[in-house]
C-alpha cells in the first residue's frame, strides 16, 4: 500500500492543488453575478468610485477594451466578489 501511495504522490498533490484552486476561483464569478443581477449596492463614496474607474479605464483601454461608463460599479463588484470569497475561505478554515 505504501509503495502505491508513494508512486502516486505527484498525482495526488496535483489533484489536491487543482481542487484548491477550483474552490478558490469558481465562487468569484458566482458572487459577482449575484451582486450584478440583484442590484445590491455596496455603500461606497461616489468620488472614490469615479477616481477608481478613471484608473481602471486607463488600464482597460491600454489593453484595447472599451472603458467603463461613469458611475460604473463593475470594478467595485469584482473587488467585492474577491473580498467576499477570501473572507468566506478564512471563516471556513476556523
Foldseek 3Di string as FASTA:
>chain_A
DVVVCVVCVVVVVVVVVVVVVCLLPVQLVVQLCVCVVVVDDDDDDLVVVQVVQVVVQVVQVVVPHHGDDRPDCNVVSSVVSNVVSVVVVVVVVD
